[in-house]
Each structure stands twice: as C-alpha cells, then as structure tokens.
Amino acid sequence: MATNAKGQASPAIGEQIAAQFRGLNPNDPASWPTVPKAALCVAVAAAIVTALWFVWLTNSADELAAEQKKEEALRVDYKKKLTQAVNLDALRKQREQVQQYVTQLEKQLPSKAEMDALLSDINQAGLGRSLNFDHFRPGSVSVREYYAELPISIRVTGRYHDIGSFASDIAHLSRIVTLNNLEIGPGRDGNLTMDTTAKTFRYLDPDEVAAQRRAAKGGKK
C-alpha cells in the first residue's frame, strides 16, 4: 500500500506544478503562481549572469590583446636596446668617425672673414688659365640653419682646354665651390664663352647661429 501511495503522489505533484504553467498571462507576471514566478526569476538571473559573463570575457579578451601587443612592443624594444648595448663600443667609434668627418667638412667651409680670400682664389684660378672674365658678380647671401650660401655669376672667355682646366682647378680648391648651370658657347676670336653660377658656402659664426635659432623658434610660434 505504501508503495502505491508514493507512486501516485509523485504524478500528482508534477500535475500540480504543470497546472501552474497553464494559462499564464505574459503581460502580467505578478499574477502568476509561485512556481512560474520562481522559474522566471531564476531564468532572468541566469540571463543576467550569462550576459555579464560574456561582457567580462569580451573586456578581458580586449585587455589581453592589448597587453599582448605591449609585450611584443617591449620585446622589440628590448632586442633593439640589447643590440645597442652589445654594439655600444662600435657605435661610439662610429660617432667619433662621424664627428671627425663633420670637422673635416667644416674646415672646407670658410668663415665670414675668409670669404674675400676665397673669391680672390676663384678669380686667380681663371686668370692662371689665361681666361678673360667678362663678369664676376657675387650675388645675395642665402643664410641657412648652419651655413650661408653665396652664388657668384661668372662669364669667362678662353680656349676649350683652359676652360676645362679652370673647372678642374675650382673643384680642387681647399674650400667647397660648385659650378652650376654651365653653358658653353662660341665666343670671340675663335674662343669659347662659359656662363656659370659658382656657389660657395661658409659656416655661420655663433651670433648668426643664435639669430637663426631665434628666428626658427619665432616661426614655430
């Protein structure tokens, strides 16, 4: 008898619970029986927990990706600095060589006071090759950040080989002089005429460098 009673009780409870889910008004959950309300609360809580879990996972994935990128950047930076540390002595020697090279180049640039002597050297190079100067006109000085550039308009007349030797002499001056916009044409008495713009450069004195830096700062403002 007990077994039958228990076996009949379980279906009865299940039927009662199932009956509570019938005819529910979805627009009025407050009127639902206890079991459906509890089930709804559990479902809502589970949905909220699941949504928060996915949001947390998404944020964690983004943070992880960002940290991985940082790690890669730090690894690259570490390798770069490690290479520099290993090659520090070689880099120091390179820097010294570059500084020596810059010093040599600066020696090829005359100072402001030496410009007249350089112009005289250019003129003497032409006269030494028996060239006639039709004109020798220094132009306006263009001041750059660390040096100044002086163009000189030159026209000389002479024999072909003498003009070529003059150009070679200019290239071998102790100071830097370049010949630009060369034009060679027939001249008088069977000679040739060469028109060119010689450009020479000089380094700026400390006052000029300071003035250039002030001007650059004023331009940035």
Protein backbone atom coordinates (compact mmCIF):
# COMPACT_ATOMS: atom_id res chain seq x y z
CA MET A 1 0.00 0.00 0.00
CA ALA A 2 2.82 2.47 0.82
CA THR A 3 4.46 1.86 -2.49
CA ASN A 4 1.25 2.56 -4.35
CA ALA A 5 0.66 5.72 -2.29
CA LYS A 6 4.13 7.02 -3.10
CA GLY A 7 3.84 6.10 -6.71
CA GLN A 8 0.58 8.01 -7.00
CA ALA A 9 1.85 11.06 -5.06
CA SER A 10 4.65 11.96 -7.47
CA PRO A 11 2.46 12.29 -10.57
CA ALA A 12 0.03 14.37 -8.55
CA ILE A 13 2.74 16.90 -7.57
CA GLY A 14 4.01 17.05 -11.11
CA GLU A 15 0.50 17.66 -12.37
CA GLN A 16 0.01 20.47 -9.87
CA ILE A 17 3.26 22.16 -10.98
CA ALA A 18 2.40 21.75 -14.64
CA ALA A 19 -1.06 23.17 -14.00
CA GLN A 20 0.53 26.36 -12.62
CA PHE A 21 2.21 26.97 -16.02
CA ARG A 22 -1.06 26.75 -17.95
CA GLY A 23 -2.95 29.83 -18.95
CA LEU A 24 -0.28 32.31 -17.80
CA ASN A 25 -0.74 35.91 -18.85
CA PRO A 26 2.63 37.04 -20.25
CA ASN A 27 1.66 40.69 -19.77
CA ASP A 28 1.05 40.26 -16.04
CA PRO A 29 3.80 38.16 -14.42
CA ALA A 30 2.77 39.46 -10.99
CA SER A 31 -0.42 37.38 -11.15
CA TRP A 32 1.45 34.16 -11.86
CA PRO A 33 1.56 31.33 -9.31
CA THR A 34 4.60 30.83 -7.13
CA VAL A 35 6.41 28.21 -9.22
CA PRO A 36 6.27 30.13 -12.55
CA LYS A 37 7.40 33.32 -10.73
CA ALA A 38 10.32 31.48 -9.21
CA ALA A 39 11.19 29.93 -12.56
CA LEU A 40 11.05 33.36 -14.24
CA CYS A 41 13.30 34.88 -11.57
CA VAL A 42 15.80 32.05 -11.99
CA ALA A 43 15.73 32.46 -15.82
CA VAL A 44 16.21 36.23 -15.61
CA ALA A 45 19.03 35.85 -13.12
CA ALA A 46 20.66 33.23 -15.29
CA ALA A 47 20.34 35.51 -18.37
CA ILE A 48 21.87 38.45 -16.50
CA VAL A 49 24.73 36.33 -15.18
CA THR A 50 25.34 34.91 -18.66
CA ALA A 51 25.29 38.39 -20.26
CA LEU A 52 27.69 39.78 -17.64
CA TRP A 53 29.92 36.75 -18.12
CA PHE A 54 30.14 37.35 -21.87
CA VAL A 55 30.74 41.08 -21.35
CA TRP A 56 33.51 40.31 -18.86
CA LEU A 57 35.02 37.77 -21.23
CA THR A 58 34.93 40.31 -24.11
CA ASN A 59 36.60 43.00 -22.00
CA SER A 60 39.14 40.51 -20.74
CA ALA A 61 39.88 39.41 -24.32
CA ASP A 62 40.42 43.05 -25.37
CA GLU A 63 42.68 43.69 -22.38
CA LEU A 64 44.60 40.51 -23.11
CA ALA A 65 45.08 41.50 -26.76
CA ALA A 66 46.27 44.97 -25.71
CA GLU A 67 48.71 43.51 -23.19
CA GLN A 68 50.00 41.05 -25.80
CA LYS A 69 50.68 43.96 -28.17
CA LYS A 70 52.50 45.78 -25.37
CA GLU A 71 54.52 42.68 -24.71
CA GLU A 72 55.51 42.40 -28.38
CA ALA A 73 56.50 46.09 -28.46
CA LEU A 74 58.54 45.67 -25.28
CA ARG A 75 60.27 42.62 -26.73
CA VAL A 76 61.19 44.55 -29.89
CA ASP A 77 62.41 47.49 -27.82
CA TYR A 78 64.39 45.16 -25.55
CA LYS A 79 66.07 43.46 -28.52
CA LYS A 80 66.89 46.85 -30.04
CA LYS A 81 68.42 48.14 -26.81
CA LEU A 82 70.24 44.86 -26.26
CA THR A 83 71.78 45.16 -29.73
CA GLN A 84 72.77 48.76 -29.00
CA ALA A 85 74.29 47.73 -25.68
CA VAL A 86 76.27 44.93 -27.32
CA ASN A 87 77.47 47.29 -30.09
CA LEU A 88 78.00 50.27 -27.80
CA ASP A 89 81.76 50.45 -28.34
CA ALA A 90 81.35 50.17 -32.11
CA LEU A 91 78.66 52.88 -32.08
CA ARG A 92 80.92 55.18 -30.07
CA LYS A 93 83.73 54.68 -32.59
CA GLN A 94 81.26 55.39 -35.41
CA ARG A 95 80.16 58.59 -33.70
CA GLU A 96 83.77 59.70 -33.32
CA GLN A 97 84.39 58.99 -37.01
CA VAL A 98 81.30 60.99 -37.99
CA GLN A 99 82.37 63.88 -35.77
CA GLN A 100 85.83 63.84 -37.36
CA TYR A 101 84.24 63.80 -40.82
CA VAL A 102 81.99 66.74 -39.92
CA THR A 103 85.01 68.61 -38.58
CA GLN A 104 86.84 68.00 -41.87
CA LEU A 105 83.86 69.29 -43.84
CA GLU A 106 83.63 72.38 -41.63
CA LYS A 107 87.29 73.09 -42.38
CA GLN A 108 86.35 73.23 -46.07
CA LEU A 109 83.86 75.98 -45.31
CA PRO A 110 85.43 79.40 -44.94
CA SER A 111 84.43 81.77 -42.21
CA LYS A 112 82.83 85.13 -42.87
CA ALA A 113 86.24 86.82 -42.73
CA GLU A 114 87.76 84.35 -45.22
CA MET A 115 85.16 84.82 -47.96
CA ASP A 116 87.05 87.64 -49.68
CA ALA A 117 90.17 85.46 -49.90
CA LEU A 118 88.09 82.62 -51.44
CA LEU A 119 86.62 84.95 -54.06
CA SER A 120 90.15 86.04 -54.89
CA ASP A 121 91.20 82.37 -55.23
CA ILE A 122 88.40 81.76 -57.75
CA ASN A 123 89.40 84.82 -59.73
CA GLN A 124 93.07 83.84 -59.68
CA ALA A 125 92.17 80.31 -60.86
CA GLY A 126 90.66 81.83 -64.00
CA LEU A 127 93.49 84.28 -64.59
CA GLY A 128 96.01 81.47 -64.10
CA ARG A 129 94.41 79.64 -67.05
CA SER A 130 94.59 82.78 -69.25
CA LEU A 131 90.82 83.25 -69.18
CA ASN A 132 89.20 86.64 -69.59
CA PHE A 133 86.46 87.49 -67.09
CA ASP A 134 83.57 89.26 -68.79
CA HIS A 135 81.90 89.50 -65.42
CA PHE A 136 82.36 88.21 -61.89
CA ARG A 137 79.35 89.18 -59.76
CA PRO A 138 78.73 87.85 -56.24
CA GLY A 139 75.00 87.65 -55.52
CA SER A 140 72.93 87.82 -52.37
CA VAL A 141 73.89 85.57 -49.47
CA SER A 142 71.28 82.96 -48.54
CA VAL A 143 71.51 82.06 -44.86
CA ARG A 144 70.52 78.51 -43.92
CA GLU A 145 70.29 76.91 -40.49
CA TYR A 146 74.00 76.18 -40.09
CA TYR A 147 75.65 77.69 -43.14
CA ALA A 148 75.40 80.52 -45.66
CA GLU A 149 75.40 80.14 -49.44
CA LEU A 150 76.90 82.74 -51.81
CA PRO A 151 76.16 82.49 -55.56
CA ILE A 152 78.60 84.12 -57.97
CA SER A 153 77.64 84.80 -61.57
CA ILE A 154 80.67 84.19 -63.79
CA ARG A 155 81.32 84.58 -67.51
CA VAL A 156 84.75 83.73 -68.85
CA THR A 157 86.17 83.55 -72.35
CA GLY A 158 89.08 81.37 -73.42
CA ARG A 159 90.18 78.19 -75.11
CA TYR A 160 88.35 74.91 -74.57
CA HIS A 161 91.14 73.21 -72.62
CA ASP A 162 91.74 76.31 -70.49
CA ILE A 163 88.06 76.42 -69.53
CA GLY A 164 88.17 72.72 -68.64
CA SER A 165 91.31 73.25 -66.55
CA PHE A 166 89.65 76.18 -64.78
CA ALA A 167 86.67 73.97 -63.83
CA SER A 168 89.09 71.33 -62.53
CA ASP A 169 91.01 73.93 -60.51
CA ILE A 170 87.76 75.10 -58.92
CA ALA A 171 86.90 71.51 -57.96
CA HIS A 172 90.31 71.12 -56.27
CA LEU A 173 90.19 74.27 -54.18
CA SER A 174 90.64 73.71 -50.46
CA ARG A 175 87.19 75.26 -49.92
CA ILE A 176 83.92 73.91 -51.29
CA VAL A 177 82.91 75.61 -54.55
CA THR A 178 80.43 74.16 -57.06
CA LEU A 179 79.77 75.22 -60.64
CA ASN A 180 76.09 75.21 -61.56
CA ASN A 181 74.04 75.87 -64.72
CA LEU A 182 77.05 75.61 -67.02
CA GLU A 183 76.54 76.98 -70.53
CA ILE A 184 79.37 76.96 -73.07
CA GLY A 185 79.07 78.63 -76.45
CA PRO A 186 81.20 80.22 -79.16
CA GLY A 187 82.95 83.42 -78.19
CA ARG A 188 85.12 85.99 -79.91
CA ASP A 189 88.32 85.22 -81.82
CA GLY A 190 87.53 81.50 -82.04
CA ASN A 191 87.40 81.10 -78.28
CA LEU A 192 84.58 79.74 -76.14
CA THR A 193 82.48 81.53 -73.58
CA MET A 194 81.32 79.83 -70.39
CA ASP A 195 78.47 81.15 -68.29
CA THR A 196 78.04 79.56 -64.89
CA THR A 197 76.93 80.21 -61.34
CA ALA A 198 79.61 79.30 -58.83
CA LYS A 199 78.28 78.60 -55.37
CA THR A 200 80.45 78.71 -52.33
CA PHE A 201 79.50 78.16 -48.72
CA ARG A 202 80.64 79.39 -45.35
CA TYR A 203 79.75 78.38 -41.85
CA LEU A 204 77.86 80.78 -39.64
CA ASP A 205 79.53 82.43 -36.70
CA PRO A 206 77.96 81.87 -33.22
CA ASP A 207 75.93 85.10 -33.36
CA GLU A 208 74.44 84.13 -36.72
CA VAL A 209 73.59 80.62 -35.48
CA ALA A 210 71.86 82.09 -32.43
CA ALA A 211 69.92 84.50 -34.66
CA GLN A 212 68.82 81.64 -36.93
CA ARG A 213 67.62 79.61 -33.94
CA ARG A 214 65.66 82.57 -32.59
CA ALA A 215 64.08 83.09 -35.98
CA ALA A 216 63.17 79.39 -36.21
CA LYS A 217 61.54 79.47 -32.76
CA GLY A 218 59.63 82.62 -33.68
CA GLY A 219 58.38 80.96 -36.89
CA LYS A 220 57.09 77.94 -34.95
CA LYS A 221 55.08 80.17 -32.62
